[in-house]
N, C-alpha and C. Protein backbone atom coordinates (compact mmCIF):
# COMPACT_ATOMS: atom_id res chain seq x y z
N MET A 1 131.04 144.81 97.52
CA MET A 1 130.68 143.45 97.12
C MET A 1 129.18 143.42 96.84
N ARG A 2 128.81 142.96 95.66
CA ARG A 2 127.40 142.82 95.31
C ARG A 2 126.90 141.44 95.75
N LYS A 3 125.59 141.38 96.04
CA LYS A 3 125.03 140.15 96.59
C LYS A 3 123.93 139.59 95.71
N LEU A 4 123.93 138.27 95.64
CA LEU A 4 122.94 137.50 94.89
C LEU A 4 122.22 136.60 95.88
N LEU A 5 120.91 136.66 95.89
CA LEU A 5 120.08 135.85 96.78
C LEU A 5 119.44 134.72 95.98
N PHE A 6 119.71 133.47 96.37
CA PHE A 6 119.03 132.31 95.81
C PHE A 6 117.93 131.88 96.76
N LEU A 7 116.77 131.56 96.20
CA LEU A 7 115.61 131.15 97.00
C LEU A 7 115.12 129.78 96.57
N CYS A 8 114.77 128.96 97.53
CA CYS A 8 114.00 127.75 97.26
C CYS A 8 113.04 127.56 98.44
N THR A 9 112.32 126.48 98.43
CA THR A 9 111.26 126.33 99.43
C THR A 9 111.81 126.32 100.85
N ALA A 10 112.73 125.40 101.15
CA ALA A 10 113.17 125.22 102.53
C ALA A 10 114.64 125.55 102.77
N ASN A 11 115.36 126.05 101.75
CA ASN A 11 116.77 126.42 101.90
C ASN A 11 117.60 125.25 102.41
N TYR A 12 117.39 124.11 101.79
CA TYR A 12 118.04 122.90 102.26
C TYR A 12 118.83 122.20 101.16
N TYR A 13 118.39 122.33 99.92
CA TYR A 13 118.95 121.53 98.83
C TYR A 13 119.32 122.41 97.63
N ARG A 14 118.34 122.81 96.82
CA ARG A 14 118.63 123.49 95.56
C ARG A 14 119.28 124.85 95.74
N SER A 15 118.72 125.69 96.60
CA SER A 15 119.30 127.03 96.76
C SER A 15 120.68 126.96 97.41
N ARG A 16 120.87 125.99 98.26
CA ARG A 16 122.18 125.83 98.90
C ARG A 16 123.23 125.41 97.88
N PHE A 17 122.85 124.48 96.98
CA PHE A 17 123.78 124.06 95.94
C PHE A 17 124.10 125.23 95.01
N ALA A 18 123.07 126.00 94.62
CA ALA A 18 123.29 127.16 93.75
C ALA A 18 124.24 128.16 94.42
N GLU A 19 124.03 128.42 95.69
CA GLU A 19 124.88 129.35 96.44
C GLU A 19 126.34 128.89 96.44
N ILE A 20 126.56 127.64 96.76
CA ILE A 20 127.92 127.11 96.86
C ILE A 20 128.61 127.13 95.50
N VAL A 21 127.92 126.68 94.46
CA VAL A 21 128.51 126.65 93.12
C VAL A 21 128.78 128.08 92.63
N PHE A 22 127.81 128.97 92.86
CA PHE A 22 128.02 130.35 92.43
C PHE A 22 129.25 130.95 93.10
N ASN A 23 129.37 130.80 94.39
CA ASN A 23 130.50 131.40 95.10
C ASN A 23 131.83 130.84 94.61
N LYS A 24 131.86 129.57 94.29
CA LYS A 24 133.09 128.97 93.75
C LYS A 24 133.41 129.56 92.38
N LEU A 25 132.44 129.54 91.48
CA LEU A 25 132.69 130.01 90.11
C LEU A 25 132.92 131.52 90.05
N ALA A 26 132.18 132.27 90.84
CA ALA A 26 132.37 133.73 90.87
C ALA A 26 133.75 134.07 91.41
N GLY A 27 134.20 133.34 92.43
CA GLY A 27 135.53 133.56 92.97
C GLY A 27 136.61 133.26 91.94
N GLU A 28 136.45 132.15 91.22
CA GLU A 28 137.42 131.79 90.18
C GLU A 28 137.44 132.82 89.06
N ALA A 29 136.29 133.44 88.79
CA ALA A 29 136.19 134.44 87.72
C ALA A 29 136.59 135.84 88.19
N GLY A 30 136.86 135.98 89.49
CA GLY A 30 137.25 137.28 90.02
C GLY A 30 136.11 138.28 90.09
N LEU A 31 134.89 137.78 90.21
CA LEU A 31 133.72 138.67 90.27
C LEU A 31 133.58 139.31 91.64
N ASP A 32 133.03 140.49 91.65
CA ASP A 32 132.75 141.21 92.89
C ASP A 32 131.33 140.88 93.35
N TRP A 33 131.02 139.59 93.40
CA TRP A 33 129.70 139.09 93.78
C TRP A 33 129.85 137.97 94.78
N VAL A 34 128.89 137.88 95.69
CA VAL A 34 128.81 136.76 96.61
C VAL A 34 127.33 136.36 96.72
N ALA A 35 127.09 135.06 96.78
CA ALA A 35 125.72 134.56 96.88
C ALA A 35 125.42 134.12 98.31
N PHE A 36 124.14 134.22 98.66
CA PHE A 36 123.62 133.63 99.88
C PHE A 36 122.25 133.07 99.52
N SER A 37 121.70 132.24 100.38
CA SER A 37 120.43 131.60 100.05
C SER A 37 119.49 131.60 101.24
N ARG A 38 118.20 131.54 100.91
CA ARG A 38 117.17 131.56 101.94
C ARG A 38 115.97 130.73 101.48
N ALA A 39 115.07 130.47 102.42
CA ALA A 39 113.83 129.74 102.17
C ALA A 39 112.68 130.72 101.97
N VAL A 40 111.73 130.33 101.13
CA VAL A 40 110.50 131.11 101.01
C VAL A 40 109.40 130.54 101.90
N ALA A 41 109.56 129.27 102.31
CA ALA A 41 108.57 128.61 103.17
C ALA A 41 109.29 127.53 103.98
N ILE A 42 110.14 127.95 104.89
CA ILE A 42 111.01 127.02 105.62
C ILE A 42 110.24 125.93 106.34
N GLU A 43 109.04 126.24 106.75
CA GLU A 43 108.23 125.25 107.48
C GLU A 43 107.92 124.02 106.63
N ARG A 44 107.99 124.14 105.32
CA ARG A 44 107.72 123.00 104.44
C ARG A 44 108.78 121.91 104.55
N GLY A 45 109.96 122.23 105.07
CA GLY A 45 111.02 121.24 105.18
C GLY A 45 111.20 120.66 106.56
N GLU A 46 110.48 121.17 107.55
CA GLU A 46 110.68 120.74 108.93
C GLU A 46 110.50 119.25 109.13
N ARG A 47 109.63 118.67 108.37
CA ARG A 47 109.28 117.25 108.56
C ARG A 47 110.34 116.30 108.00
N TRP A 48 110.99 116.68 106.90
CA TRP A 48 111.88 115.76 106.20
C TRP A 48 113.36 116.11 106.28
N ASN A 49 113.67 117.36 106.45
CA ASN A 49 115.06 117.79 106.37
C ASN A 49 115.79 117.49 107.68
N VAL A 50 116.92 116.81 107.54
CA VAL A 50 117.72 116.41 108.70
C VAL A 50 119.09 117.06 108.56
N GLY A 51 119.50 117.76 109.61
CA GLY A 51 120.81 118.41 109.58
C GLY A 51 120.76 119.74 108.84
N PRO A 52 121.91 120.36 108.66
CA PRO A 52 121.94 121.70 108.11
C PRO A 52 121.79 121.79 106.59
N ILE A 53 122.11 120.69 105.87
CA ILE A 53 122.11 120.75 104.41
C ILE A 53 121.81 119.37 103.84
N SER A 54 121.20 119.33 102.69
CA SER A 54 120.79 118.07 102.07
C SER A 54 121.99 117.19 101.71
N ARG A 55 121.80 115.91 101.85
CA ARG A 55 122.85 114.98 101.42
C ARG A 55 123.05 115.06 99.92
N HIS A 56 121.99 115.44 99.18
CA HIS A 56 122.11 115.59 97.72
C HIS A 56 123.04 116.75 97.38
N THR A 57 122.96 117.81 98.17
CA THR A 57 123.87 118.94 97.98
C THR A 57 125.30 118.52 98.31
N ARG A 58 125.45 117.82 99.41
CA ARG A 58 126.79 117.33 99.79
C ARG A 58 127.38 116.43 98.71
N GLU A 59 126.59 115.49 98.23
CA GLU A 59 127.07 114.54 97.22
C GLU A 59 127.40 115.23 95.91
N ALA A 60 126.55 116.18 95.50
CA ALA A 60 126.80 116.91 94.24
C ALA A 60 128.07 117.75 94.34
N CYS A 61 128.30 118.36 95.48
CA CYS A 61 129.53 119.13 95.67
C CYS A 61 130.74 118.21 95.67
N GLN A 62 130.64 117.10 96.38
CA GLN A 62 131.75 116.16 96.44
C GLN A 62 132.10 115.63 95.04
N ALA A 63 131.08 115.31 94.25
CA ALA A 63 131.30 114.80 92.90
C ALA A 63 132.01 115.81 92.01
N ARG A 64 131.87 117.10 92.34
CA ARG A 64 132.49 118.17 91.55
C ARG A 64 133.76 118.70 92.19
N GLY A 65 134.17 118.10 93.29
CA GLY A 65 135.38 118.55 93.97
C GLY A 65 135.22 119.91 94.64
N ILE A 66 134.00 120.25 95.01
CA ILE A 66 133.72 121.52 95.67
C ILE A 66 133.65 121.30 97.18
N VAL A 67 134.44 122.04 97.90
CA VAL A 67 134.43 121.97 99.35
C VAL A 67 133.32 122.89 99.87
N ILE A 68 132.45 122.36 100.70
CA ILE A 68 131.39 123.17 101.31
C ILE A 68 132.00 123.96 102.45
N PRO A 69 131.86 125.29 102.41
CA PRO A 69 132.45 126.11 103.47
C PRO A 69 131.90 125.76 104.85
N GLU A 70 132.78 125.72 105.81
CA GLU A 70 132.42 125.46 107.21
C GLU A 70 132.39 126.77 107.97
N PRO A 71 131.64 126.92 109.00
CA PRO A 71 130.62 125.97 109.43
C PRO A 71 129.42 126.04 108.50
N ILE A 72 128.73 124.92 108.37
CA ILE A 72 127.54 124.86 107.52
C ILE A 72 126.36 125.35 108.33
N SER A 73 125.76 126.43 107.87
CA SER A 73 124.62 126.99 108.61
C SER A 73 123.36 126.16 108.34
N PHE A 74 122.44 126.25 109.26
CA PHE A 74 121.14 125.61 109.08
C PHE A 74 120.30 126.47 108.15
N PRO A 75 119.28 125.90 107.53
CA PRO A 75 118.40 126.67 106.64
C PRO A 75 117.86 127.91 107.34
N GLN A 76 117.67 128.95 106.54
CA GLN A 76 117.17 130.21 107.07
C GLN A 76 116.00 130.71 106.24
N GLN A 77 115.01 131.23 106.90
CA GLN A 77 113.84 131.82 106.25
C GLN A 77 114.21 133.20 105.70
N ALA A 78 113.76 133.48 104.49
CA ALA A 78 113.98 134.81 103.90
C ALA A 78 113.22 135.87 104.69
N ARG A 79 113.82 137.05 104.72
CA ARG A 79 113.20 138.21 105.36
C ARG A 79 113.34 139.39 104.39
N ASP A 80 112.60 140.43 104.63
CA ASP A 80 112.67 141.61 103.77
C ASP A 80 114.11 142.13 103.67
N GLU A 81 114.86 142.06 104.76
CA GLU A 81 116.24 142.55 104.76
C GLU A 81 117.10 141.81 103.75
N ASP A 82 116.82 140.52 103.54
CA ASP A 82 117.58 139.74 102.57
C ASP A 82 117.36 140.26 101.16
N PHE A 83 116.11 140.55 100.84
CA PHE A 83 115.80 141.10 99.53
C PHE A 83 116.43 142.48 99.36
N ALA A 84 116.38 143.28 100.42
CA ALA A 84 116.89 144.65 100.36
C ALA A 84 118.39 144.69 100.10
N GLN A 85 119.14 143.72 100.64
CA GLN A 85 120.59 143.76 100.47
C GLN A 85 121.07 143.09 99.19
N ALA A 86 120.19 142.40 98.47
CA ALA A 86 120.58 141.68 97.26
C ALA A 86 120.39 142.54 96.01
N GLN A 87 121.40 142.52 95.16
CA GLN A 87 121.29 143.21 93.87
C GLN A 87 120.56 142.34 92.84
N ARG A 88 120.61 141.03 93.03
CA ARG A 88 119.86 140.09 92.17
C ARG A 88 119.24 139.04 93.06
N VAL A 89 118.07 138.56 92.63
CA VAL A 89 117.35 137.53 93.38
C VAL A 89 116.89 136.48 92.37
N VAL A 90 117.21 135.22 92.64
CA VAL A 90 116.81 134.11 91.77
C VAL A 90 116.10 133.06 92.60
N ALA A 91 114.88 132.73 92.19
CA ALA A 91 114.14 131.61 92.80
C ALA A 91 114.32 130.41 91.88
N LEU A 92 114.49 129.23 92.47
CA LEU A 92 114.88 128.06 91.70
C LEU A 92 113.79 127.43 90.85
N LYS A 93 112.51 127.64 91.19
CA LYS A 93 111.44 127.06 90.37
C LYS A 93 110.22 127.98 90.42
N GLU A 94 109.90 128.55 89.28
CA GLU A 94 108.83 129.53 89.23
C GLU A 94 107.49 128.99 89.71
N ALA A 95 107.07 127.84 89.20
CA ALA A 95 105.76 127.30 89.57
C ALA A 95 105.63 127.04 91.06
N GLU A 96 106.71 126.69 91.69
CA GLU A 96 106.72 126.37 93.11
C GLU A 96 106.89 127.62 93.99
N HIS A 97 107.72 128.54 93.55
CA HIS A 97 108.11 129.65 94.42
C HIS A 97 107.38 130.97 94.18
N ARG A 98 106.87 131.20 92.97
CA ARG A 98 106.17 132.46 92.71
C ARG A 98 104.99 132.67 93.67
N PRO A 99 104.16 131.66 93.94
CA PRO A 99 103.05 131.90 94.88
C PRO A 99 103.53 132.34 96.28
N TYR A 100 104.60 131.75 96.76
CA TYR A 100 105.14 132.16 98.06
C TYR A 100 105.67 133.60 98.00
N ILE A 101 106.36 133.92 96.93
CA ILE A 101 106.90 135.28 96.78
C ILE A 101 105.75 136.28 96.77
N GLU A 102 104.71 135.98 95.99
CA GLU A 102 103.59 136.92 95.88
C GLU A 102 102.82 137.06 97.18
N GLN A 103 102.72 135.98 97.96
CA GLN A 103 102.00 136.03 99.23
C GLN A 103 102.83 136.63 100.36
N ARG A 104 104.08 136.25 100.44
CA ARG A 104 104.90 136.61 101.60
C ARG A 104 105.86 137.77 101.37
N PHE A 105 106.17 138.02 100.12
CA PHE A 105 107.16 139.06 99.80
C PHE A 105 106.68 139.91 98.63
N ALA A 106 105.44 140.31 98.67
CA ALA A 106 104.82 141.03 97.55
C ALA A 106 105.58 142.30 97.18
N ASP A 107 106.16 142.97 98.14
CA ASP A 107 106.91 144.20 97.84
C ASP A 107 108.14 143.94 96.99
N TRP A 108 108.60 142.71 96.93
CA TRP A 108 109.83 142.36 96.21
C TRP A 108 109.58 141.54 94.96
N LYS A 109 108.33 141.22 94.66
CA LYS A 109 108.03 140.25 93.60
C LYS A 109 108.57 140.64 92.23
N ASP A 110 108.68 141.92 91.94
CA ASP A 110 109.17 142.35 90.63
C ASP A 110 110.68 142.25 90.49
N ARG A 111 111.37 141.95 91.56
CA ARG A 111 112.83 141.82 91.52
C ARG A 111 113.30 140.37 91.39
N VAL A 112 112.39 139.43 91.44
CA VAL A 112 112.77 138.02 91.46
C VAL A 112 112.81 137.46 90.04
N GLU A 113 113.93 136.82 89.70
CA GLU A 113 114.08 136.08 88.46
C GLU A 113 113.78 134.62 88.79
N TYR A 114 113.25 133.89 87.83
CA TYR A 114 112.89 132.50 88.09
C TYR A 114 113.59 131.55 87.13
N TRP A 115 114.08 130.46 87.70
CA TRP A 115 114.55 129.33 86.93
C TRP A 115 113.45 128.27 87.01
N HIS A 116 113.69 127.12 86.43
CA HIS A 116 112.67 126.06 86.39
C HIS A 116 113.31 124.71 86.74
N VAL A 117 113.90 124.65 87.92
CA VAL A 117 114.59 123.44 88.38
C VAL A 117 113.69 122.71 89.37
N HIS A 118 113.33 121.49 89.01
CA HIS A 118 112.43 120.69 89.86
C HIS A 118 113.10 120.25 91.15
N ASP A 119 112.28 120.08 92.17
CA ASP A 119 112.71 119.47 93.41
C ASP A 119 112.67 117.95 93.22
N LEU A 120 112.90 117.21 94.27
CA LEU A 120 112.97 115.74 94.18
C LEU A 120 111.67 115.11 93.69
N ASP A 121 110.55 115.80 93.82
CA ASP A 121 109.29 115.24 93.34
C ASP A 121 109.19 115.24 91.82
N GLY A 122 110.07 115.96 91.15
CA GLY A 122 109.98 116.03 89.70
C GLY A 122 111.28 115.75 88.97
N SER A 123 112.36 115.54 89.71
CA SER A 123 113.67 115.35 89.10
C SER A 123 114.61 114.68 90.09
N GLY A 124 115.48 113.87 89.59
CA GLY A 124 116.51 113.29 90.44
C GLY A 124 117.57 114.33 90.76
N PRO A 125 118.33 114.13 91.84
CA PRO A 125 119.32 115.12 92.22
C PRO A 125 120.43 115.33 91.19
N GLU A 126 120.81 114.29 90.46
CA GLU A 126 121.86 114.47 89.44
C GLU A 126 121.39 115.42 88.36
N GLN A 127 120.14 115.25 87.91
CA GLN A 127 119.60 116.12 86.88
C GLN A 127 119.42 117.54 87.41
N ALA A 128 118.82 117.68 88.58
CA ALA A 128 118.57 119.01 89.15
C ALA A 128 119.88 119.75 89.41
N CYS A 129 120.85 119.09 90.00
CA CYS A 129 122.12 119.76 90.28
C CYS A 129 122.86 120.11 88.99
N GLY A 130 122.75 119.26 87.99
CA GLY A 130 123.34 119.58 86.69
C GLY A 130 122.70 120.82 86.08
N GLU A 131 121.38 120.93 86.17
CA GLU A 131 120.68 122.11 85.66
C GLU A 131 121.10 123.35 86.43
N ILE A 132 121.14 123.24 87.74
CA ILE A 132 121.55 124.39 88.56
C ILE A 132 122.96 124.82 88.18
N GLU A 133 123.86 123.86 88.05
CA GLU A 133 125.24 124.18 87.70
C GLU A 133 125.32 124.91 86.36
N ARG A 134 124.54 124.48 85.37
CA ARG A 134 124.52 125.15 84.05
C ARG A 134 123.97 126.57 84.17
N HIS A 135 122.86 126.72 84.90
CA HIS A 135 122.30 128.06 85.10
C HIS A 135 123.30 128.99 85.79
N VAL A 136 123.94 128.48 86.83
CA VAL A 136 124.90 129.28 87.58
C VAL A 136 126.08 129.67 86.69
N ALA A 137 126.59 128.73 85.91
CA ALA A 137 127.71 129.04 85.01
C ALA A 137 127.30 130.11 83.99
N ASP A 138 126.09 130.02 83.46
CA ASP A 138 125.59 131.06 82.53
C ASP A 138 125.51 132.41 83.23
N LEU A 139 125.02 132.42 84.46
CA LEU A 139 124.89 133.65 85.22
C LEU A 139 126.26 134.26 85.50
N VAL A 140 127.23 133.45 85.87
CA VAL A 140 128.58 133.94 86.11
C VAL A 140 129.15 134.55 84.83
N ARG A 141 128.95 133.91 83.70
CA ARG A 141 129.42 134.46 82.42
C ARG A 141 128.74 135.80 82.13
N GLU A 142 127.44 135.88 82.39
CA GLU A 142 126.71 137.13 82.19
C GLU A 142 127.27 138.24 83.07
N LEU A 143 127.47 137.95 84.34
CA LEU A 143 127.99 138.96 85.26
C LEU A 143 129.41 139.35 84.92
N ALA A 144 130.21 138.40 84.47
CA ALA A 144 131.60 138.70 84.09
C ALA A 144 131.63 139.62 82.88
N GLY A 145 130.67 139.48 81.99
CA GLY A 145 130.60 140.35 80.82
C GLY A 145 130.20 141.77 81.17
N GLY A 146 129.54 141.94 82.31
CA GLY A 146 129.08 143.26 82.73
C GLY A 146 130.08 144.00 83.59
N GLN A 147 131.22 143.38 83.89
CA GLN A 147 132.21 144.06 84.75
C GLN A 147 133.22 144.81 83.93
């Protein structure tokens, strides 16, 4: 089984949604891939994040008829081992995440692909989740073509 690592700042909203949608679509496509997600700066969410996963992620999944796998884990900080086990790594917003990658995970910086999905400060959850869903669907199609 090949692994895909999604990264966002606090592993609470965008990367979690990407992980859940990817695993659903990859499973439906019969891909030999599984996604997991981590934070690049988990401490940035300590002040605002309540519970294991964002309500925006829950609502976006519910609107799409996607069941969130139980138990729902709490956000996790990325570690070198996460990068080492992933065949692909995607960070959700280059402007936000590249500095953290370069500072905290410099040995892995050349393996990270970047999308450009805003957090709540730059986009509403409907728009952001729609963008993530489109990116993930494109990625699943790409991976399916390579099998």
